[in-house]
Amino acid sequence: MARRSIMSEKLKMELAEELGVADVVRAEGGFGNVSSRNCGNLVRLAIQRAGNAMV
């Protein structure tokens, strides 16, 4: 069964740009080689944005 992503690819790339890891994502064709620390930062940033949107 395929997993459905909560975040759109567009949002993920926006966050990756903001964190400075978009070049790695583009070069590798995905988020597989992004460090776990940066992936955690990406999730944290997404949660912050969602929280700000609710206010």
N, C-alpha and C. Protein backbone atom coordinates (compact mmCIF):
# COMPACT_ATOMS: atom_id res chain seq x y z
N MET A 1 0.85 -1.18 0.00
CA MET A 1 0.00 0.00 0.00
C MET A 1 0.89 1.24 0.00
N ALA A 2 0.63 2.15 -0.91
CA ALA A 2 1.42 3.37 -1.02
C ALA A 2 1.05 4.34 0.10
N ARG A 3 2.07 4.98 0.65
CA ARG A 3 1.84 5.98 1.70
C ARG A 3 1.55 7.32 1.06
N ARG A 4 0.59 8.02 1.60
CA ARG A 4 0.26 9.34 1.10
C ARG A 4 1.01 10.38 1.90
N SER A 5 1.64 11.31 1.21
CA SER A 5 2.43 12.33 1.87
C SER A 5 1.53 13.42 2.44
N ILE A 6 1.87 13.89 3.61
CA ILE A 6 1.11 14.98 4.23
C ILE A 6 1.53 16.31 3.63
N MET A 7 2.82 16.48 3.37
CA MET A 7 3.32 17.72 2.80
C MET A 7 3.45 17.57 1.29
N SER A 8 3.09 18.60 0.57
CA SER A 8 3.24 18.57 -0.88
C SER A 8 4.73 18.68 -1.23
N GLU A 9 5.07 18.22 -2.41
CA GLU A 9 6.45 18.32 -2.87
C GLU A 9 6.87 19.79 -2.96
N LYS A 10 5.94 20.65 -3.36
CA LYS A 10 6.23 22.08 -3.47
C LYS A 10 6.61 22.65 -2.10
N LEU A 11 5.85 22.31 -1.06
CA LEU A 11 6.14 22.79 0.29
C LEU A 11 7.48 22.25 0.77
N LYS A 12 7.75 20.99 0.52
CA LYS A 12 9.03 20.40 0.94
C LYS A 12 10.20 21.14 0.30
N MET A 13 10.06 21.47 -0.99
CA MET A 13 11.14 22.18 -1.67
C MET A 13 11.28 23.60 -1.16
N GLU A 14 10.17 24.26 -0.84
CA GLU A 14 10.23 25.61 -0.25
C GLU A 14 10.99 25.57 1.06
N LEU A 15 10.69 24.59 1.89
CA LEU A 15 11.37 24.45 3.18
C LEU A 15 12.84 24.11 2.98
N ALA A 16 13.13 23.24 2.02
CA ALA A 16 14.51 22.87 1.73
C ALA A 16 15.30 24.10 1.26
N GLU A 17 14.67 24.94 0.45
CA GLU A 17 15.32 26.18 0.01
C GLU A 17 15.64 27.05 1.21
N GLU A 18 14.67 27.18 2.10
CA GLU A 18 14.83 28.03 3.29
C GLU A 18 15.96 27.51 4.19
N LEU A 19 16.09 26.20 4.27
CA LEU A 19 17.12 25.61 5.12
C LEU A 19 18.47 25.47 4.42
N GLY A 20 18.49 25.71 3.12
CA GLY A 20 19.76 25.63 2.38
C GLY A 20 20.15 24.23 1.96
N VAL A 21 19.23 23.30 1.90
CA VAL A 21 19.54 21.93 1.49
C VAL A 21 18.91 21.56 0.15
N ALA A 22 18.32 22.52 -0.53
CA ALA A 22 17.64 22.24 -1.79
C ALA A 22 18.61 21.72 -2.85
N ASP A 23 19.85 22.19 -2.83
CA ASP A 23 20.83 21.72 -3.82
C ASP A 23 21.09 20.23 -3.66
N VAL A 24 21.16 19.76 -2.42
CA VAL A 24 21.36 18.33 -2.16
C VAL A 24 20.16 17.55 -2.67
N VAL A 25 18.96 18.05 -2.41
CA VAL A 25 17.73 17.37 -2.84
C VAL A 25 17.70 17.27 -4.36
N ARG A 26 18.01 18.36 -5.04
CA ARG A 26 18.00 18.36 -6.51
C ARG A 26 19.08 17.45 -7.08
N ALA A 27 20.26 17.50 -6.51
CA ALA A 27 21.38 16.71 -7.03
C ALA A 27 21.14 15.21 -6.86
N GLU A 28 20.52 14.84 -5.77
CA GLU A 28 20.30 13.42 -5.48
C GLU A 28 18.94 12.92 -5.94
N GLY A 29 18.08 13.82 -6.37
CA GLY A 29 16.76 13.41 -6.84
C GLY A 29 15.78 13.08 -5.73
N GLY A 30 16.04 13.58 -4.54
CA GLY A 30 15.13 13.33 -3.43
C GLY A 30 15.77 13.67 -2.10
N PHE A 31 15.05 13.35 -1.04
CA PHE A 31 15.50 13.70 0.30
C PHE A 31 16.32 12.59 0.96
N GLY A 32 16.64 11.55 0.23
CA GLY A 32 17.34 10.40 0.79
C GLY A 32 18.72 10.70 1.36
N ASN A 33 19.42 11.66 0.81
CA ASN A 33 20.77 11.98 1.28
C ASN A 33 20.85 13.23 2.11
N VAL A 34 19.69 13.76 2.50
CA VAL A 34 19.67 14.90 3.41
C VAL A 34 19.88 14.35 4.81
N SER A 35 20.70 15.01 5.60
CA SER A 35 21.01 14.50 6.94
C SER A 35 19.75 14.45 7.80
N SER A 36 19.77 13.56 8.77
CA SER A 36 18.61 13.43 9.66
C SER A 36 18.39 14.72 10.45
N ARG A 37 19.47 15.41 10.78
CA ARG A 37 19.33 16.70 11.47
C ARG A 37 18.57 17.70 10.61
N ASN A 38 18.94 17.79 9.33
CA ASN A 38 18.25 18.71 8.44
C ASN A 38 16.81 18.28 8.17
N CYS A 39 16.57 16.98 8.10
CA CYS A 39 15.18 16.51 7.95
C CYS A 39 14.36 16.90 9.18
N GLY A 40 14.95 16.78 10.35
CA GLY A 40 14.27 17.19 11.57
C GLY A 40 13.99 18.69 11.57
N ASN A 41 14.96 19.47 11.10
CA ASN A 41 14.77 20.92 10.99
C ASN A 41 13.66 21.24 10.00
N LEU A 42 13.59 20.47 8.93
CA LEU A 42 12.54 20.67 7.93
C LEU A 42 11.16 20.42 8.55
N VAL A 43 11.03 19.36 9.32
CA VAL A 43 9.76 19.06 9.99
C VAL A 43 9.42 20.14 11.01
N ARG A 44 10.42 20.58 11.77
CA ARG A 44 10.19 21.64 12.76
C ARG A 44 9.70 22.91 12.10
N LEU A 45 10.31 23.27 10.97
CA LEU A 45 9.90 24.45 10.24
C LEU A 45 8.48 24.31 9.70
N ALA A 46 8.13 23.13 9.22
CA ALA A 46 6.78 22.88 8.72
C ALA A 46 5.76 23.02 9.84
N ILE A 47 6.09 22.53 11.03
CA ILE A 47 5.19 22.64 12.18
C ILE A 47 5.02 24.09 12.59
N GLN A 48 6.12 24.85 12.57
CA GLN A 48 6.04 26.28 12.89
C GLN A 48 5.14 27.01 11.91
N ARG A 49 5.30 26.72 10.63
CA ARG A 49 4.46 27.36 9.62
C ARG A 49 2.99 27.02 9.82
N ALA A 50 2.71 25.76 10.12
CA ALA A 50 1.32 25.35 10.34
C ALA A 50 0.74 26.06 11.55
N GLY A 51 1.54 26.18 12.61
CA GLY A 51 1.10 26.89 13.81
C GLY A 51 0.82 28.35 13.54
N ASN A 52 1.68 28.97 12.73
CA ASN A 52 1.48 30.38 12.39
C ASN A 52 0.24 30.59 11.53
N ALA A 53 -0.04 29.61 10.67
CA ALA A 53 -1.21 29.70 9.81
C ALA A 53 -2.51 29.57 10.60
N MET A 54 -2.45 28.88 11.72
CA MET A 54 -3.64 28.69 12.55
C MET A 54 -3.98 29.93 13.37
N VAL A 55 -2.96 30.76 13.62
CA VAL A 55 -3.16 31.93 14.48
C VAL A 55 -3.76 33.06 13.74
